[in-house]
């Protein structure tokens, strides 16, 4: 995927890395086309897609108060940029 100039410019001089360098053997924080926030991601070998976690919210008793995480999947080309995640020791 060729990124538009304005998207490329937004990531210049930042710690964000190009999609081609994203690891397929560990988690990272990624920015995906169509989702407005960075999200934890990992390569899903079976689907040959990036799997990432997004927050969702459902209505309970007339209020939007039931937050939960949902897995999403993105084609390889939908990853815009990424940064490594520090491992806890």
N, C-alpha and C. Protein backbone atom coordinates (compact mmCIF):
# COMPACT_ATOMS: atom_id res chain seq x y z
N UNK A 1 0.84 -1.18 0.00
CA UNK A 1 0.00 0.00 0.00
C UNK A 1 0.89 1.24 0.00
N UNK A 2 0.59 2.17 -0.84
CA UNK A 2 1.29 3.44 -0.85
C UNK A 2 0.50 4.44 -0.02
N UNK A 3 1.15 4.97 1.01
CA UNK A 3 0.46 5.89 1.91
C UNK A 3 0.40 7.29 1.29
N UNK A 4 -0.71 7.99 1.50
CA UNK A 4 -0.79 9.38 1.05
C UNK A 4 0.29 10.24 1.71
N UNK A 5 0.72 11.29 1.02
CA UNK A 5 1.79 12.15 1.52
C UNK A 5 1.49 12.72 2.89
N UNK A 6 0.23 13.12 3.16
CA UNK A 6 -0.08 13.74 4.44
C UNK A 6 0.03 12.73 5.59
N UNK A 7 -0.26 11.45 5.33
CA UNK A 7 -0.10 10.44 6.38
C UNK A 7 1.38 10.18 6.62
N UNK A 8 2.15 10.03 5.56
CA UNK A 8 3.60 9.85 5.71
C UNK A 8 4.21 11.01 6.49
N UNK A 9 3.82 12.22 6.16
CA UNK A 9 4.37 13.40 6.82
C UNK A 9 4.04 13.42 8.31
N UNK A 10 2.87 12.92 8.67
CA UNK A 10 2.45 12.93 10.08
C UNK A 10 3.36 12.05 10.94
N UNK A 11 4.00 11.05 10.34
CA UNK A 11 4.83 10.13 11.11
C UNK A 11 6.33 10.41 10.99
N UNK A 12 6.70 11.38 10.17
CA UNK A 12 8.11 11.74 10.05
C UNK A 12 8.60 12.36 11.36
N UNK A 13 9.84 12.09 11.69
CA UNK A 13 10.48 12.61 12.91
C UNK A 13 9.73 12.20 14.18
N UNK A 14 9.15 11.02 14.17
CA UNK A 14 8.49 10.45 15.34
C UNK A 14 9.07 9.06 15.56
N UNK A 15 8.77 8.43 16.70
CA UNK A 15 9.27 7.07 16.93
C UNK A 15 8.51 5.99 16.14
N UNK A 16 7.47 6.38 15.43
CA UNK A 16 6.68 5.40 14.67
C UNK A 16 7.49 4.85 13.50
N UNK A 17 7.35 3.56 13.27
CA UNK A 17 8.11 2.85 12.25
C UNK A 17 7.23 2.47 11.06
N UNK A 18 7.87 2.20 9.92
CA UNK A 18 7.12 1.84 8.71
C UNK A 18 6.54 0.44 8.84
N UNK A 19 5.40 0.18 8.19
CA UNK A 19 4.71 -1.11 8.32
C UNK A 19 5.57 -2.31 7.93
N UNK A 20 6.43 -2.14 6.96
CA UNK A 20 7.23 -3.27 6.48
C UNK A 20 8.17 -3.84 7.55
N UNK A 21 8.45 -3.06 8.59
CA UNK A 21 9.33 -3.52 9.66
C UNK A 21 8.58 -4.12 10.84
N UNK A 22 7.26 -4.18 10.80
CA UNK A 22 6.47 -4.69 11.92
C UNK A 22 6.77 -6.16 12.17
N UNK A 23 6.99 -6.54 13.42
CA UNK A 23 7.30 -7.94 13.74
C UNK A 23 6.06 -8.83 13.65
N UNK A 24 6.26 -10.04 13.22
CA UNK A 24 5.16 -11.00 13.19
C UNK A 24 5.28 -12.02 14.31
N UNK A 25 6.23 -11.80 15.22
CA UNK A 25 6.44 -12.75 16.31
C UNK A 25 6.24 -12.16 17.70
N UNK A 26 5.77 -10.90 17.77
CA UNK A 26 5.51 -10.30 19.08
C UNK A 26 4.50 -9.15 18.95
N UNK A 27 3.96 -8.76 20.10
CA UNK A 27 2.98 -7.68 20.13
C UNK A 27 3.65 -6.33 19.93
N UNK A 28 2.88 -5.38 19.40
CA UNK A 28 3.34 -4.01 19.22
C UNK A 28 2.12 -3.10 19.26
N UNK A 29 2.35 -1.80 19.28
CA UNK A 29 1.27 -0.82 19.19
C UNK A 29 1.21 -0.37 17.73
N UNK A 30 0.05 -0.54 17.11
CA UNK A 30 -0.08 -0.21 15.69
C UNK A 30 -1.18 0.81 15.42
N UNK A 31 -1.03 1.50 14.32
CA UNK A 31 -2.05 2.41 13.81
C UNK A 31 -2.59 1.78 12.53
N UNK A 32 -3.91 1.59 12.49
CA UNK A 32 -4.53 0.90 11.36
C UNK A 32 -5.49 1.82 10.61
N UNK A 33 -5.53 1.65 9.32
CA UNK A 33 -6.44 2.40 8.47
C UNK A 33 -7.87 2.12 8.92
N UNK A 34 -8.64 3.16 9.19
CA UNK A 34 -10.04 3.00 9.57
C UNK A 34 -10.30 2.99 11.07
N UNK A 35 -9.24 2.97 11.90
CA UNK A 35 -9.43 3.02 13.35
C UNK A 35 -8.66 4.22 13.89
N UNK A 36 -9.29 5.10 14.66
CA UNK A 36 -8.67 6.39 15.00
C UNK A 36 -7.61 6.36 16.10
N UNK A 37 -7.44 5.22 16.80
CA UNK A 37 -6.52 5.19 17.93
C UNK A 37 -5.46 4.10 17.74
N UNK A 38 -4.27 4.30 18.28
CA UNK A 38 -3.29 3.21 18.29
C UNK A 38 -3.83 2.04 19.11
N UNK A 39 -3.49 0.83 18.71
CA UNK A 39 -4.02 -0.37 19.36
C UNK A 39 -2.96 -1.45 19.46
N UNK A 40 -3.07 -2.29 20.49
CA UNK A 40 -2.18 -3.43 20.62
C UNK A 40 -2.47 -4.40 19.49
N UNK A 41 -1.42 -4.93 18.86
CA UNK A 41 -1.61 -5.79 17.70
C UNK A 41 -0.60 -6.93 17.68
N UNK A 42 -0.93 -7.96 16.90
CA UNK A 42 -0.06 -9.10 16.69
C UNK A 42 -0.47 -9.75 15.37
N UNK A 43 0.48 -10.38 14.68
CA UNK A 43 0.18 -11.06 13.44
C UNK A 43 -0.57 -12.35 13.73
N UNK A 44 -1.65 -12.61 13.00
CA UNK A 44 -2.41 -13.85 13.12
C UNK A 44 -2.07 -14.72 11.92
N UNK A 45 -1.28 -15.74 12.17
CA UNK A 45 -0.78 -16.59 11.09
C UNK A 45 -1.91 -17.30 10.35
N UNK A 46 -2.90 -17.78 11.09
CA UNK A 46 -3.99 -18.54 10.47
C UNK A 46 -4.78 -17.71 9.47
N UNK A 47 -5.10 -16.46 9.83
CA UNK A 47 -5.89 -15.62 8.93
C UNK A 47 -5.02 -14.79 7.99
N UNK A 48 -3.69 -14.78 8.24
CA UNK A 48 -2.76 -13.97 7.46
C UNK A 48 -3.16 -12.50 7.50
N UNK A 49 -3.55 -12.05 8.73
CA UNK A 49 -3.95 -10.67 8.97
C UNK A 49 -3.39 -10.20 10.30
N UNK A 50 -3.40 -8.88 10.48
CA UNK A 50 -3.08 -8.32 11.78
C UNK A 50 -4.31 -8.45 12.66
N UNK A 51 -4.13 -8.90 13.90
CA UNK A 51 -5.20 -8.92 14.90
C UNK A 51 -4.91 -7.79 15.86
N UNK A 52 -5.92 -6.96 16.15
CA UNK A 52 -5.71 -5.87 17.10
C UNK A 52 -6.94 -5.71 17.98
N UNK A 53 -6.74 -5.06 19.12
CA UNK A 53 -7.76 -4.94 20.14
C UNK A 53 -8.32 -3.52 20.14
N UNK A 54 -9.66 -3.42 20.11
CA UNK A 54 -10.31 -2.12 20.18
C UNK A 54 -11.31 -2.11 21.33
N UNK A 55 -11.58 -0.94 21.84
CA UNK A 55 -12.58 -0.83 22.91
C UNK A 55 -13.95 -0.54 22.29
N UNK A 56 -14.96 -1.21 22.82
CA UNK A 56 -16.34 -1.04 22.38
C UNK A 56 -17.19 -0.69 23.59
N UNK A 57 -18.40 -0.24 23.35
CA UNK A 57 -19.30 0.10 24.44
C UNK A 57 -20.74 -0.23 24.04
N UNK A 58 -21.44 -0.92 24.92
CA UNK A 58 -22.85 -1.24 24.71
C UNK A 58 -23.71 -0.46 25.70
N UNK A 59 -24.99 -0.37 25.37
CA UNK A 59 -25.94 0.30 26.24
C UNK A 59 -26.55 -0.70 27.22
N UNK A 60 -26.58 -0.32 28.50
CA UNK A 60 -27.21 -1.12 29.54
C UNK A 60 -28.11 -0.18 30.34
N UNK A 61 -29.37 -0.55 30.51
CA UNK A 61 -30.34 0.26 31.26
C UNK A 61 -30.41 1.69 30.74
N UNK A 62 -30.36 1.84 29.42
CA UNK A 62 -30.51 3.15 28.81
C UNK A 62 -29.27 4.03 28.83
N UNK A 63 -28.14 3.48 29.28
CA UNK A 63 -26.90 4.26 29.33
C UNK A 63 -25.78 3.51 28.64
N UNK A 64 -24.89 4.28 28.00
CA UNK A 64 -23.71 3.69 27.37
C UNK A 64 -22.66 3.50 28.46
N UNK A 65 -22.65 2.32 29.09
CA UNK A 65 -21.77 2.10 30.23
C UNK A 65 -21.14 0.71 30.29
N UNK A 66 -21.31 -0.09 29.26
CA UNK A 66 -20.78 -1.45 29.27
C UNK A 66 -19.60 -1.54 28.31
N UNK A 67 -18.41 -1.21 28.80
CA UNK A 67 -17.20 -1.20 27.98
C UNK A 67 -16.59 -2.60 27.92
N UNK A 68 -16.04 -2.94 26.77
CA UNK A 68 -15.36 -4.23 26.60
C UNK A 68 -14.38 -4.13 25.43
N UNK A 69 -13.48 -5.10 25.37
CA UNK A 69 -12.51 -5.16 24.28
C UNK A 69 -12.97 -6.16 23.22
N UNK A 70 -12.69 -5.84 21.98
CA UNK A 70 -13.08 -6.69 20.86
C UNK A 70 -11.88 -6.87 19.93
N UNK A 71 -11.69 -8.09 19.44
CA UNK A 71 -10.65 -8.34 18.46
C UNK A 71 -11.11 -7.88 17.09
N UNK A 72 -10.21 -7.24 16.37
CA UNK A 72 -10.47 -6.84 15.00
C UNK A 72 -9.34 -7.42 14.15
N UNK A 73 -9.58 -7.52 12.86
CA UNK A 73 -8.58 -8.05 11.94
C UNK A 73 -8.40 -7.08 10.79
N UNK A 74 -7.14 -6.92 10.37
CA UNK A 74 -6.83 -6.00 9.29
C UNK A 74 -5.88 -6.68 8.31
N UNK A 75 -6.10 -6.43 7.04
CA UNK A 75 -5.18 -6.94 6.03
C UNK A 75 -3.80 -6.33 6.23
N UNK A 76 -2.81 -7.00 5.73
CA UNK A 76 -1.42 -6.56 5.89
C UNK A 76 -1.24 -5.10 5.49
N UNK A 77 -1.90 -4.68 4.42
CA UNK A 77 -1.74 -3.34 3.88
C UNK A 77 -2.40 -2.25 4.74
N UNK A 78 -3.24 -2.64 5.70
CA UNK A 78 -3.96 -1.66 6.51
C UNK A 78 -3.15 -1.12 7.69
N UNK A 79 -2.01 -1.73 7.98
CA UNK A 79 -1.14 -1.20 9.03
C UNK A 79 -0.43 0.04 8.48
N UNK A 80 -0.58 1.16 9.18
CA UNK A 80 0.00 2.44 8.73
C UNK A 80 1.37 2.67 9.35
N UNK A 81 1.49 2.41 10.66
CA UNK A 81 2.74 2.62 11.38
C UNK A 81 2.67 1.83 12.69
N UNK A 82 3.82 1.68 13.33
CA UNK A 82 3.84 0.91 14.59
C UNK A 82 5.03 1.34 15.45
N UNK A 83 4.92 1.02 16.75
CA UNK A 83 6.03 1.18 17.69
C UNK A 83 6.10 -0.08 18.54
N UNK A 84 7.31 -0.44 19.00
CA UNK A 84 7.42 -1.63 19.83
C UNK A 84 6.77 -1.44 21.20
N UNK A 85 6.39 -2.55 21.80
CA UNK A 85 5.90 -2.55 23.17
C UNK A 85 7.03 -3.01 24.08
N UNK A 86 7.20 -2.34 25.18
CA UNK A 86 8.21 -2.76 26.16
C UNK A 86 7.73 -4.03 26.86
N UNK A 87 8.62 -4.95 27.06
CA UNK A 87 8.29 -6.18 27.79
C UNK A 87 8.44 -5.93 29.29
N UNK A 88 7.46 -6.40 30.05
CA UNK A 88 7.54 -6.29 31.51
C UNK A 88 8.42 -7.42 32.04
N UNK A 89 9.26 -7.06 32.97
CA UNK A 89 10.17 -8.08 33.53
C UNK A 89 10.04 -8.15 35.02
